Amino acid sequence: MGRAITVFGLAGILSASTVAAAASQDSTRATIPEKRAAQMPSHAVKGIVTSVGPSSMVIVRSRRRPGELTFVLNSDTGREGTITVGSTVSVRYRPEGSTLVATAVSAHAETCAAHKP
């Protein structure tokens, strides 16, 4: 009888620790994608720069949906190439309320002048 109580007691301890470990792993798995989703940009666009400053940039989309887009640039914005007025850029961004925050801006070697016949 004493041995059966010991076996059931150990089984209870092992199952409780397994459940606790599984719960902690599930909570870790749930928080990692949320953090990545918050950091990852959700949109991308290509256009021609009409104005650029230290904290903002305006581009004009020329393809499917013509129009102007204004992006907020900050210290976390990755920048590749020389971003100047008239250069063609690809922008990865995420909306934050009514503003568009650029997470990465990449200038292309060709400009709009290079595409003219």
PDB file of N, CA and C in Angstrom:
ATOM      1  N   MET A   1       0.823  -1.189   0.000  1.00  0.00           N
ATOM      2  CA  MET A   1       0.000   0.000   0.000  1.00  0.00           C
ATOM      3  C   MET A   1       0.862   1.247   0.000  1.00  0.00           C
ATOM      4  N   GLY A   2       1.930   1.243   0.795  1.00  0.00           N
ATOM      5  CA  GLY A   2       2.828   2.392   0.860  1.00  0.00           C
ATOM      6  C   GLY A   2       3.539   2.631  -0.456  1.00  0.00           C
ATOM      7  N   ARG A   3       3.847   1.545  -1.156  1.00  0.00           N
ATOM      8  CA  ARG A   3       4.531   1.672  -2.446  1.00  0.00           C
ATOM      9  C   ARG A   3       3.582   2.275  -3.487  1.00  0.00           C
ATOM     10  N   ALA A   4       2.329   1.911  -3.470  1.00  0.00           N
ATOM     11  CA  ALA A   4       1.350   2.452  -4.412  1.00  0.00           C
ATOM     12  C   ALA A   4       1.167   3.951  -4.199  1.00  0.00           C
ATOM     13  N   ILE A   5       1.164   4.385  -2.954  1.00  0.00           N
ATOM     14  CA  ILE A   5       1.031   5.816  -2.664  1.00  0.00           C
ATOM     15  C   ILE A   5       2.245   6.572  -3.185  1.00  0.00           C
ATOM     16  N   THR A   6       3.432   5.992  -3.035  1.00  0.00           N
ATOM     17  CA  THR A   6       4.652   6.623  -3.520  1.00  0.00           C
ATOM     18  C   THR A   6       4.623   6.741  -5.049  1.00  0.00           C
ATOM     19  N   VAL A   7       4.191   5.669  -5.718  1.00  0.00           N
ATOM     20  CA  VAL A   7       4.126   5.683  -7.184  1.00  0.00           C
ATOM     21  C   VAL A   7       3.133   6.742  -7.660  1.00  0.00           C
ATOM     22  N   PHE A   8       1.947   6.785  -7.055  1.00  0.00           N
ATOM     23  CA  PHE A   8       0.956   7.784  -7.455  1.00  0.00           C
ATOM     24  C   PHE A   8       1.427   9.208  -7.140  1.00  0.00           C
ATOM     25  N   GLY A   9       2.121   9.353  -6.039  1.00  0.00           N
ATOM     26  CA  GLY A   9       2.661  10.669  -5.678  1.00  0.00           C
ATOM     27  C   GLY A   9       3.690  11.144  -6.681  1.00  0.00           C
ATOM     28  N   LEU A  10       4.608  10.251  -7.083  1.00  0.00           N
ATOM     29  CA  LEU A  10       5.615  10.607  -8.094  1.00  0.00           C
ATOM     30  C   LEU A  10       4.967  10.895  -9.445  1.00  0.00           C
ATOM     31  N   ALA A  11       3.973  10.096  -9.793  1.00  0.00           N
ATOM     32  CA  ALA A  11       3.268  10.325 -11.061  1.00  0.00           C
ATOM     33  C   ALA A  11       2.589  11.686 -11.054  1.00  0.00           C
ATOM     34  N   GLY A  12       2.010  12.064  -9.935  1.00  0.00           N
ATOM     35  CA  GLY A  12       1.370  13.380  -9.822  1.00  0.00           C
ATOM     36  C   GLY A  12       2.366  14.512  -9.944  1.00  0.00           C
ATOM     37  N   ILE A  13       3.519  14.359  -9.321  1.00  0.00           N
ATOM     38  CA  ILE A  13       4.560  15.393  -9.395  1.00  0.00           C
ATOM     39  C   ILE A  13       5.072  15.531 -10.820  1.00  0.00           C
ATOM     40  N   LEU A  14       5.333  14.391 -11.483  1.00  0.00           N
ATOM     41  CA  LEU A  14       5.820  14.435 -12.864  1.00  0.00           C
ATOM     42  C   LEU A  14       4.798  15.057 -13.802  1.00  0.00           C
ATOM     43  N   SER A  15       3.543  14.717 -13.656  1.00  0.00           N
ATOM     44  CA  SER A  15       2.532  15.289 -14.544  1.00  0.00           C
ATOM     45  C   SER A  15       2.349  16.780 -14.290  1.00  0.00           C
ATOM     46  N   ALA A  16       2.449  17.195 -13.048  1.00  0.00           N
ATOM     47  CA  ALA A  16       2.325  18.620 -12.737  1.00  0.00           C
ATOM     48  C   ALA A  16       3.487  19.406 -13.327  1.00  0.00           C
ATOM     49  N   SER A  17       4.697  18.852 -13.233  1.00  0.00           N
ATOM     50  CA  SER A  17       5.854  19.565 -13.790  1.00  0.00           C
ATOM     51  C   SER A  17       5.792  19.582 -15.306  1.00  0.00           C
ATOM     52  N   THR A  18       5.267  18.518 -15.928  1.00  0.00           N
ATOM     53  CA  THR A  18       5.121  18.483 -17.384  1.00  0.00           C
ATOM     54  C   THR A  18       4.114  19.525 -17.847  1.00  0.00           C
ATOM     55  N   VAL A  19       3.024  19.645 -17.144  1.00  0.00           N
ATOM     56  CA  VAL A  19       2.004  20.645 -17.480  1.00  0.00           C
ATOM     57  C   VAL A  19       2.558  22.050 -17.318  1.00  0.00           C
ATOM     58  N   ALA A  20       3.318  22.285 -16.267  1.00  0.00           N
ATOM     59  CA  ALA A  20       3.907  23.609 -16.041  1.00  0.00           C
ATOM     60  C   ALA A  20       4.914  23.942 -17.128  1.00  0.00           C
ATOM     61  N   ALA A  21       5.732  22.961 -17.518  1.00  0.00           N
ATOM     62  CA  ALA A  21       6.720  23.197 -18.577  1.00  0.00           C
ATOM     63  C   ALA A  21       6.032  23.473 -19.907  1.00  0.00           C
ATOM     64  N   ALA A  22       4.987  22.730 -20.211  1.00  0.00           N
ATOM     65  CA  ALA A  22       4.252  22.943 -21.457  1.00  0.00           C
ATOM     66  C   ALA A  22       3.589  24.317 -21.470  1.00  0.00           C
ATOM     67  N   ALA A  23       3.057  24.727 -20.348  1.00  0.00           N
ATOM     68  CA  ALA A  23       2.412  26.040 -20.268  1.00  0.00           C
ATOM     69  C   ALA A  23       3.431  27.153 -20.469  1.00  0.00           C
ATOM     70  N   SER A  24       4.624  27.003 -19.906  1.00  0.00           N
ATOM     71  CA  SER A  24       5.633  28.047 -20.075  1.00  0.00           C
ATOM     72  C   SER A  24       6.131  28.085 -21.509  1.00  0.00           C
ATOM     73  N   GLN A  25       6.230  26.935 -22.183  1.00  0.00           N
ATOM     74  CA  GLN A  25       6.633  26.917 -23.584  1.00  0.00           C
ATOM     75  C   GLN A  25       5.569  27.541 -24.458  1.00  0.00           C
ATOM     76  N   ASP A  26       4.299  27.280 -24.186  1.00  0.00           N
ATOM     77  CA  ASP A  26       3.219  27.875 -24.962  1.00  0.00           C
ATOM     78  C   ASP A  26       3.203  29.383 -24.819  1.00  0.00           C
ATOM     79  N   SER A  27       3.463  29.874 -23.611  1.00  0.00           N
ATOM     80  CA  SER A  27       3.465  31.323 -23.429  1.00  0.00           C
ATOM     81  C   SER A  27       4.657  31.944 -24.136  1.00  0.00           C
ATOM     82  N   THR A  28       5.794  31.248 -24.179  1.00  0.00           N
ATOM     83  CA  THR A  28       6.963  31.753 -24.908  1.00  0.00           C
ATOM     84  C   THR A  28       6.676  31.781 -26.391  1.00  0.00           C
ATOM     85  N   ARG A  29       6.075  30.737 -26.907  1.00  0.00           N
ATOM     86  CA  ARG A  29       5.739  30.695 -28.335  1.00  0.00           C
ATOM     87  C   ARG A  29       4.749  31.786 -28.702  1.00  0.00           C
ATOM     88  N   ALA A  30       3.851  32.093 -27.820  1.00  0.00           N
ATOM     89  CA  ALA A  30       2.836  33.104 -28.110  1.00  0.00           C
ATOM     90  C   ALA A  30       3.426  34.502 -28.130  1.00  0.00           C
ATOM     91  N   THR A  31       4.441  34.777 -27.308  1.00  0.00           N
ATOM     92  CA  THR A  31       4.986  36.126 -27.252  1.00  0.00           C
ATOM     93  C   THR A  31       6.002  36.394 -28.345  1.00  0.00           C
ATOM     94  N   ILE A  32       6.728  35.410 -28.817  1.00  0.00           N
ATOM     95  CA  ILE A  32       7.733  35.648 -29.850  1.00  0.00           C
ATOM     96  C   ILE A  32       7.091  36.131 -31.142  1.00  0.00           C
ATOM     97  N   PRO A  33       6.066  35.467 -31.683  1.00  0.00           N
ATOM     98  CA  PRO A  33       5.458  35.993 -32.910  1.00  0.00           C
ATOM     99  C   PRO A  33       4.859  37.379 -32.731  1.00  0.00           C
ATOM    100  N   GLU A  34       4.301  37.685 -31.567  1.00  0.00           N
ATOM    101  CA  GLU A  34       3.737  39.017 -31.355  1.00  0.00           C
ATOM    102  C   GLU A  34       4.827  40.074 -31.422  1.00  0.00           C
ATOM    103  N   LYS A  35       5.991  39.798 -30.827  1.00  0.00           N
ATOM    104  CA  LYS A  35       7.089  40.755 -30.872  1.00  0.00           C
ATOM    105  C   LYS A  35       7.575  40.928 -32.299  1.00  0.00           C
ATOM    106  N   ARG A  36       7.725  39.829 -33.031  1.00  0.00           N
ATOM    107  CA  ARG A  36       8.177  39.919 -34.422  1.00  0.00           C
ATOM    108  C   ARG A  36       7.166  40.654 -35.278  1.00  0.00           C
ATOM    109  N   ALA A  37       5.894  40.412 -35.040  1.00  0.00           N
ATOM    110  CA  ALA A  37       4.858  41.082 -35.822  1.00  0.00           C
ATOM    111  C   ALA A  37       4.885  42.582 -35.585  1.00  0.00           C
ATOM    112  N   ALA A  38       5.179  43.003 -34.362  1.00  0.00           N
ATOM    113  CA  ALA A  38       5.241  44.427 -34.062  1.00  0.00           C
ATOM    114  C   ALA A  38       6.453  45.070 -34.720  1.00  0.00           C
ATOM    115  N   GLN A  39       7.539  44.325 -34.876  1.00  0.00           N
ATOM    116  CA  GLN A  39       8.758  44.877 -35.453  1.00  0.00           C
ATOM    117  C   GLN A  39       8.765  44.788 -36.972  1.00  0.00           C
ATOM    118  N   MET A  40       8.065  43.829 -37.530  1.00  0.00           N
ATOM    119  CA  MET A  40       8.115  43.615 -38.961  1.00  0.00           C
ATOM    120  C   MET A  40       7.216  44.599 -39.697  1.00  0.00           C
ATOM    121  N   PRO A  41       7.694  45.101 -40.821  1.00  0.00           N
ATOM    122  CA  PRO A  41       6.847  45.979 -41.611  1.00  0.00           C
ATOM    123  C   PRO A  41       5.721  45.174 -42.241  1.00  0.00           C
ATOM    124  N   SER A  42       4.620  45.833 -42.473  1.00  0.00           N
ATOM    125  CA  SER A  42       3.487  45.117 -43.033  1.00  0.00           C
ATOM    126  C   SER A  42       3.205  45.497 -44.482  1.00  0.00           C
ATOM    127  N   HIS A  43       3.906  46.500 -45.007  1.00  0.00           N
ATOM    128  CA  HIS A  43       3.647  46.938 -46.371  1.00  0.00           C
ATOM    129  C   HIS A  43       4.957  47.308 -47.066  1.00  0.00           C
ATOM    130  N   ALA A  44       4.915  47.312 -48.402  1.00  0.00           N
ATOM    131  CA  ALA A  44       6.059  47.744 -49.202  1.00  0.00           C
ATOM    132  C   ALA A  44       5.533  48.509 -50.409  1.00  0.00           C
ATOM    133  N   VAL A  45       6.305  49.496 -50.834  1.00  0.00           N
ATOM    134  CA  VAL A  45       5.906  50.308 -51.980  1.00  0.00           C
ATOM    135  C   VAL A  45       7.166  50.816 -52.671  1.00  0.00           C
ATOM    136  N   LYS A  46       7.051  51.080 -53.960  1.00  0.00           N
ATOM    137  CA  LYS A  46       8.151  51.627 -54.742  1.00  0.00           C
ATOM    138  C   LYS A  46       7.678  52.932 -55.362  1.00  0.00           C
ATOM    139  N   GLY A  47       8.554  53.936 -55.384  1.00  0.00           N
ATOM    140  CA  GLY A  47       8.171  55.213 -55.961  1.00  0.00           C
ATOM    141  C   GLY A  47       9.364  56.133 -56.145  1.00  0.00           C
ATOM    142  N   ILE A  48       9.077  57.356 -56.523  1.00  0.00           N
ATOM    143  CA  ILE A  48      10.103  58.363 -56.787  1.00  0.00           C
ATOM    144  C   ILE A  48      10.031  59.411 -55.687  1.00  0.00           C
ATOM    145  N   VAL A  49      11.184  59.749 -55.125  1.00  0.00           N
ATOM    146  CA  VAL A  49      11.263  60.701 -54.023  1.00  0.00           C
ATOM    147  C   VAL A  49      10.995  62.106 -54.543  1.00  0.00           C
ATOM    148  N   THR A  50      10.025  62.805 -53.918  1.00  0.00           N
ATOM    149  CA  THR A  50       9.757  64.198 -54.268  1.00  0.00           C
ATOM    150  C   THR A  50      10.334  65.147 -53.228  1.00  0.00           C
ATOM    151  N   SER A  51      10.467  64.689 -51.982  1.00  0.00           N
ATOM    152  CA  SER A  51      11.147  65.482 -50.962  1.00  0.00           C
ATOM    153  C   SER A  51      11.651  64.537 -49.880  1.00  0.00           C
ATOM    154  N   VAL A  52      12.769  64.934 -49.273  1.00  0.00           N
ATOM    155  CA  VAL A  52      13.359  64.117 -48.217  1.00  0.00           C
ATOM    156  C   VAL A  52      14.015  65.038 -47.200  1.00  0.00           C
ATOM    157  N   GLY A  53      13.851  64.702 -45.945  1.00  0.00           N
ATOM    158  CA  GLY A  53      14.452  65.452 -44.849  1.00  0.00           C
ATOM    159  C   GLY A  53      14.944  64.476 -43.805  1.00  0.00           C
ATOM    160  N   PRO A  54      15.451  64.988 -42.687  1.00  0.00           N
ATOM    161  CA  PRO A  54      15.969  64.097 -41.652  1.00  0.00           C
ATOM    162  C   PRO A  54      14.893  63.238 -40.983  1.00  0.00           C
ATOM    163  N   SER A  55      13.648  63.714 -40.961  1.00  0.00           N
ATOM    164  CA  SER A  55      12.608  62.964 -40.254  1.00  0.00           C
ATOM    165  C   SER A  55      11.413  62.576 -41.123  1.00  0.00           C
ATOM    166  N   SER A  56      11.448  62.899 -42.417  1.00  0.00           N
ATOM    167  CA  SER A  56      10.332  62.520 -43.279  1.00  0.00           C
ATOM    168  C   SER A  56      10.777  62.417 -44.734  1.00  0.00           C
ATOM    169  N   MET A  57       9.965  61.716 -45.504  1.00  0.00           N
ATOM    170  CA  MET A  57      10.236  61.537 -46.926  1.00  0.00           C
ATOM    171  C   MET A  57       8.893  61.411 -47.638  1.00  0.00           C
ATOM    172  N   VAL A  58       8.771  62.026 -48.801  1.00  0.00           N
ATOM    173  CA  VAL A  58       7.560  61.945 -49.607  1.00  0.00           C
ATOM    174  C   VAL A  58       7.927  61.297 -50.929  1.00  0.00           C
ATOM    175  N   ILE A  59       7.128  60.293 -51.324  1.00  0.00           N
ATOM    176  CA  ILE A  59       7.343  59.662 -52.620  1.00  0.00           C
ATOM    177  C   ILE A  59       6.055  59.708 -53.419  1.00  0.00           C
ATOM    178  N   VAL A  60       6.191  59.559 -54.729  1.00  0.00           N
ATOM    179  CA  VAL A  60       5.048  59.465 -55.624  1.00  0.00           C
ATOM    180  C   VAL A  60       5.077  58.067 -56.220  1.00  0.00           C
ATOM    181  N   ARG A  61       3.972  57.361 -56.034  1.00  0.00           N
ATOM    182  CA  ARG A  61       3.837  56.056 -56.674  1.00  0.00           C
ATOM    183  C   ARG A  61       3.451  56.288 -58.117  1.00  0.00           C
ATOM    184  N   SER A  62       4.004  55.509 -59.008  1.00  0.00           N
ATOM    185  CA  SER A  62       3.720  55.753 -60.407  1.00  0.00           C
ATOM    186  C   SER A  62       3.018  54.596 -61.088  1.00  0.00           C
ATOM    187  N   ARG A  63       2.847  53.509 -60.420  1.00  0.00           N
ATOM    188  CA  ARG A  63       2.279  52.347 -61.101  1.00  0.00           C
ATOM    189  C   ARG A  63       0.803  52.173 -60.812  1.00  0.00           C
ATOM    190  N   ARG A  64       0.439  51.164 -60.120  1.00  0.00           N
ATOM    191  CA  ARG A  64      -0.963  50.779 -59.950  1.00  0.00           C
ATOM    192  C   ARG A  64      -1.836  51.858 -59.336  1.00  0.00           C
ATOM    193  N   ARG A  65      -1.358  52.462 -58.273  1.00  0.00           N
ATOM    194  CA  ARG A  65      -2.139  53.489 -57.572  1.00  0.00           C
ATOM    195  C   ARG A  65      -1.327  54.770 -57.501  1.00  0.00           C
ATOM    196  N   PRO A  66      -1.461  55.641 -58.467  1.00  0.00           N
ATOM    197  CA  PRO A  66      -0.686  56.876 -58.395  1.00  0.00           C
ATOM    198  C   PRO A  66      -1.110  57.719 -57.196  1.00  0.00           C
ATOM    199  N   GLY A  67      -0.171  58.396 -56.614  1.00  0.00           N
ATOM    200  CA  GLY A  67      -0.466  59.253 -55.473  1.00  0.00           C
ATOM    201  C   GLY A  67       0.773  59.487 -54.632  1.00  0.00           C
ATOM    202  N   GLU A  68       0.670  60.413 -53.727  1.00  0.00           N
ATOM    203  CA  GLU A  68       1.767  60.777 -52.838  1.00  0.00           C
ATOM    204  C   GLU A  68       1.649  60.069 -51.507  1.00  0.00           C
ATOM    205  N   LEU A  69       2.781  59.616 -50.979  1.00  0.00           N
ATOM    206  CA  LEU A  69       2.828  58.999 -49.657  1.00  0.00           C
ATOM    207  C   LEU A  69       3.912  59.681 -48.842  1.00  0.00           C
ATOM    208  N   THR A  70       3.602  60.032 -47.614  1.00  0.00           N
ATOM    209  CA  THR A  70       4.572  60.656 -46.708  1.00  0.00           C
ATOM    210  C   THR A  70       4.935  59.653 -45.629  1.00  0.00           C
ATOM    211  N   PHE A  71       6.237  59.457 -45.440  1.00  0.00           N
ATOM    212  CA  PHE A  71       6.742  58.499 -44.458  1.00  0.00           C
ATOM    213  C   PHE A  71       7.525  59.215 -43.369  1.00  0.00           C
ATOM    214  N   VAL A  72       7.419  58.700 -42.157  1.00  0.00           N
ATOM    215  CA  VAL A  72       8.225  59.179 -41.037  1.00  0.00           C
ATOM    216  C   VAL A  72       9.517  58.374 -41.048  1.00  0.00           C
ATOM    217  N   LEU A  73      10.652  59.062 -40.980  1.00  0.00           N
ATOM    218  CA  LEU A  73      11.955  58.416 -40.882  1.00  0.00           C
ATOM    219  C   LEU A  73      12.468  58.625 -39.460  1.00  0.00           C
ATOM    220  N   ASN A  74      12.993  57.579 -38.852  1.00  0.00           N
ATOM    221  CA  ASN A  74      13.544  57.711 -37.505  1.00  0.00           C
ATOM    222  C   ASN A  74      14.880  56.977 -37.417  1.00  0.00           C
ATOM    223  N   SER A  75      15.433  56.898 -36.228  1.00  0.00           N
ATOM    224  CA  SER A  75      16.750  56.271 -36.059  1.00  0.00           C
ATOM    225  C   SER A  75      16.700  54.770 -36.322  1.00  0.00           C
ATOM    226  N   ASP A  76      15.528  54.156 -36.258  1.00  0.00           N
ATOM    227  CA  ASP A  76      15.394  52.725 -36.527  1.00  0.00           C
ATOM    228  C   ASP A  76      15.212  52.416 -38.008  1.00  0.00           C
ATOM    229  N   THR A  77      15.010  53.429 -38.832  1.00  0.00           N
ATOM    230  CA  THR A  77      14.799  53.222 -40.254  1.00  0.00           C
ATOM    231  C   THR A  77      16.106  52.806 -40.911  1.00  0.00           C
ATOM    232  N   GLY A  78      16.103  51.641 -41.548  1.00  0.00           N
ATOM    233  CA  GLY A  78      17.280  51.181 -42.289  1.00  0.00           C
ATOM    234  C   GLY A  78      17.360  51.915 -43.608  1.00  0.00           C
ATOM    235  N   ARG A  79      18.541  52.391 -43.944  1.00  0.00           N
ATOM    236  CA  ARG A  79      18.716  53.148 -45.192  1.00  0.00           C
ATOM    237  C   ARG A  79      19.819  52.510 -46.004  1.00  0.00           C
ATOM    238  N   GLU A  80      19.522  52.289 -47.292  1.00  0.00           N
ATOM    239  CA  GLU A  80      20.495  51.692 -48.193  1.00  0.00           C
ATOM    240  C   GLU A  80      20.582  52.543 -49.448  1.00  0.00           C
ATOM    241  N   GLY A  81      21.768  52.945 -49.805  1.00  0.00           N
ATOM    242  CA  GLY A  81      21.959  53.791 -50.974  1.00  0.00           C
ATOM    243  C   GLY A  81      21.771  55.257 -50.636  1.00  0.00           C
ATOM    244  N   THR A  82      21.922  56.101 -51.670  1.00  0.00           N
ATOM    245  CA  THR A  82      21.771  57.540 -51.508  1.00  0.00           C
ATOM    246  C   THR A  82      20.337  57.925 -51.842  1.00  0.00           C
ATOM    247  N   ILE A  83      19.646  58.446 -50.856  1.00  0.00           N
ATOM    248  CA  ILE A  83      18.242  58.814 -51.018  1.00  0.00           C
ATOM    249  C   ILE A  83      18.179  60.314 -51.286  1.00  0.00           C
ATOM    250  N   THR A  84      17.894  60.668 -52.529  1.00  0.00           N
ATOM    251  CA  THR A  84      17.812  62.067 -52.926  1.00  0.00           C
ATOM    252  C   THR A  84      16.528  62.293 -53.716  1.00  0.00           C
ATOM    253  N   VAL A  85      16.162  63.562 -53.892  1.00  0.00           N
ATOM    254  CA  VAL A  85      14.988  63.908 -54.689  1.00  0.00           C
ATOM    255  C   VAL A  85      15.208  63.403 -56.112  1.00  0.00           C
ATOM    256  N   GLY A  86      14.228  62.700 -56.645  1.00  0.00           N
ATOM    257  CA  GLY A  86      14.307  62.160 -57.996  1.00  0.00           C
ATOM    258  C   GLY A  86      14.754  60.709 -58.056  1.00  0.00           C
ATOM    259  N   SER A  87      15.263  60.178 -56.951  1.00  0.00           N
ATOM    260  CA  SER A  87      15.710  58.782 -56.970  1.00  0.00           C
ATOM    261  C   SER A  87      14.525  57.844 -56.754  1.00  0.00           C
ATOM    262  N   THR A  88      14.644  56.671 -57.335  1.00  0.00           N
ATOM    263  CA  THR A  88      13.627  55.644 -57.163  1.00  0.00           C
ATOM    264  C   THR A  88      13.975  54.845 -55.916  1.00  0.00           C
ATOM    265  N   VAL A  89      12.988  54.650 -55.045  1.00  0.00           N
ATOM    266  CA  VAL A  89      13.221  53.942 -53.788  1.00  0.00           C
ATOM    267  C   VAL A  89      12.159  52.869 -53.569  1.00  0.00           C
ATOM    268  N   SER A  90      12.551  51.868 -52.809  1.00  0.00           N
ATOM    269  CA  SER A  90      11.610  50.886 -52.284  1.00  0.00           C
ATOM    270  C   SER A  90      11.512  51.156 -50.797  1.00  0.00           C
ATOM    271  N   VAL A  91      10.298  51.210 -50.284  1.00  0.00           N
ATOM    272  CA  VAL A  91      10.081  51.527 -48.874  1.00  0.00           C
ATOM    273  C   VAL A  91       9.301  50.392 -48.232  1.00  0.00           C
ATOM    274  N   ARG A  92       9.796  49.901 -47.134  1.00  0.00           N
ATOM    275  CA  ARG A  92       9.055  48.965 -46.294  1.00  0.00           C
ATOM    276  C   ARG A  92       8.589  49.787 -45.106  1.00  0.00           C
ATOM    277  N   TYR A  93       7.312  49.662 -44.780  1.00  0.00           N
ATOM    278  CA  TYR A  93       6.757  50.517 -43.739  1.00  0.00           C
ATOM    279  C   TYR A  93       5.635  49.817 -42.992  1.00  0.00           C
ATOM    280  N   ARG A  94       5.285  50.429 -41.869  1.00  0.00           N
ATOM    281  CA  ARG A  94       4.144  49.955 -41.090  1.00  0.00           C
ATOM    282  C   ARG A  94       3.292  51.162 -40.718  1.00  0.00           C
ATOM    283  N   PRO A  95       1.985  51.004 -40.768  1.00  0.00           N
ATOM    284  CA  PRO A  95       1.119  52.102 -40.343  1.00  0.00           C
ATOM    285  C   PRO A  95       1.053  52.163 -38.824  1.00  0.00           C
ATOM    286  N   GLU A  96       1.120  53.350 -38.295  1.00  0.00           N
ATOM    287  CA  GLU A  96       0.930  53.603 -36.860  1.00  0.00           C
ATOM    288  C   GLU A  96      -0.084  54.726 -36.746  1.00  0.00           C
ATOM    289  N   GLY A  97      -1.319  54.343 -36.575  1.00  0.00           N
ATOM    290  CA  GLY A  97      -2.387  55.334 -36.576  1.00  0.00           C
ATOM    291  C   GLY A  97      -2.541  55.890 -37.976  1.00  0.00           C
ATOM    292  N   SER A  98      -2.464  57.208 -38.096  1.00  0.00           N
ATOM    293  CA  SER A  98      -2.605  57.833 -39.407  1.00  0.00           C
ATOM    294  C   SER A  98      -1.257  58.113 -40.078  1.00  0.00           C
ATOM    295  N   THR A  99      -0.148  57.711 -39.439  1.00  0.00           N
ATOM    296  CA  THR A  99       1.171  57.945 -40.022  1.00  0.00           C
ATOM    297  C   THR A  99       1.747  56.649 -40.576  1.00  0.00           C
ATOM    298  N   LEU A 100       2.636  56.790 -41.538  1.00  0.00           N
ATOM    299  CA  LEU A 100       3.345  55.650 -42.120  1.00  0.00           C
ATOM    300  C   LEU A 100       4.796  55.737 -41.674  1.00  0.00           C
ATOM    301  N   VAL A 101       5.244  54.755 -40.917  1.00  0.00           N
ATOM    302  CA  VAL A 101       6.607  54.747 -40.376  1.00  0.00           C
ATOM    303  C   VAL A 101       7.463  53.837 -41.248  1.00  0.00           C
ATOM    304  N   ALA A 102       8.474  54.406 -41.887  1.00  0.00           N
ATOM    305  CA  ALA A 102       9.369  53.634 -42.735  1.00  0.00           C
ATOM    306  C   ALA A 102      10.300  52.804 -41.864  1.00  0.00           C
ATOM    307  N   THR A 103      10.373  51.514 -42.154  1.00  0.00           N
ATOM    308  CA  THR A 103      11.298  50.643 -41.429  1.00  0.00           C
ATOM    309  C   THR A 103      12.557  50.391 -42.240  1.00  0.00           C
ATOM    310  N   ALA A 104      12.464  50.501 -43.570  1.00  0.00           N
ATOM    311  CA  ALA A 104      13.630  50.342 -44.445  1.00  0.00           C
ATOM    312  C   ALA A 104      13.389  51.103 -45.736  1.00  0.00           C
ATOM    313  N   VAL A 105      14.410  51.813 -46.188  1.00  0.00           N
ATOM    314  CA  VAL A 105      14.349  52.542 -47.454  1.00  0.00           C
ATOM    315  C   VAL A 105      15.572  52.140 -48.256  1.00  0.00           C
ATOM    316  N   SER A 106      15.336  51.721 -49.488  1.00  0.00           N
ATOM    317  CA  SER A 106      16.423  51.287 -50.353  1.00  0.00           C
ATOM    318  C   SER A 106      16.358  52.069 -51.657  1.00  0.00           C
ATOM    319  N   ALA A 107      17.429  52.829 -51.948  1.00  0.00           N
ATOM    320  CA  ALA A 107      17.491  53.604 -53.185  1.00  0.00           C
ATOM    321  C   ALA A 107      18.001  52.711 -54.304  1.00  0.00           C
ATOM    322  N   HIS A 108      17.384  52.825 -55.469  1.00  0.00           N
ATOM    323  CA  HIS A 108      17.784  52.040 -56.632  1.00  0.00           C
ATOM    324  C   HIS A 108      18.759  52.848 -57.462  1.00  0.00           C
ATOM    325  N   ALA A 109      19.580  52.159 -58.223  1.00  0.00           N
ATOM    326  CA  ALA A 109      20.582  52.825 -59.050  1.00  0.00           C
ATOM    327  C   ALA A 109      19.931  53.647 -60.148  1.00  0.00           C
ATOM    328  N   GLU A 110      18.836  53.140 -60.729  1.00  0.00           N
ATOM    329  CA  GLU A 110      18.176  53.894 -61.776  1.00  0.00           C
ATOM    330  C   GLU A 110      17.280  54.972 -61.178  1.00  0.00           C
ATOM    331  N   THR A 111      17.067  56.041 -61.903  1.00  0.00           N
ATOM    332  CA  THR A 111      16.178  57.109 -61.468  1.00  0.00           C
ATOM    333  C   THR A 111      15.089  57.272 -62.501  1.00  0.00           C
ATOM    334  N   CYS A 112      14.145  58.144 -62.244  1.00  0.00           N
ATOM    335  CA  CYS A 112      13.066  58.345 -63.187  1.00  0.00           C
ATOM    336  C   CYS A 112      13.599  58.906 -64.503  1.00  0.00           C
ATOM    337  N   ALA A 113      14.708  59.652 -64.486  1.00  0.00           N
ATOM    338  CA  ALA A 113      15.278  60.205 -65.709  1.00  0.00           C
ATOM    339  C   ALA A 113      15.829  59.096 -66.590  1.00  0.00           C
ATOM    340  N   ALA A 114      16.279  58.005 -65.999  1.00  0.00           N
ATOM    341  CA  ALA A 114      16.834  56.896 -66.761  1.00  0.00           C
ATOM    342  C   ALA A 114      15.744  56.141 -67.505  1.00  0.00           C
ATOM    343  N   HIS A 115      14.503  56.247 -67.073  1.00  0.00           N
ATOM    344  CA  HIS A 115      13.405  55.535 -67.720  1.00  0.00           C
ATOM    345  C   HIS A 115      12.803  56.315 -68.873  1.00  0.00           C
ATOM    346  N   LYS A 116      13.134  57.571 -69.045  1.00  0.00           N
ATOM    347  CA  LYS A 116      12.570  58.373 -70.121  1.00  0.00           C
ATOM    348  C   LYS A 116      13.273  58.029 -71.432  1.00  0.00           C
ATOM    349  N   PRO A 117      12.512  57.925 -72.538  1.00  0.00           N
ATOM    350  CA  PRO A 117      13.124  57.597 -73.836  1.00  0.00           C
ATOM    351  C   PRO A 117      13.957  58.729 -74.381  1.00  0.00           C
TER     352      PRO A 117
END
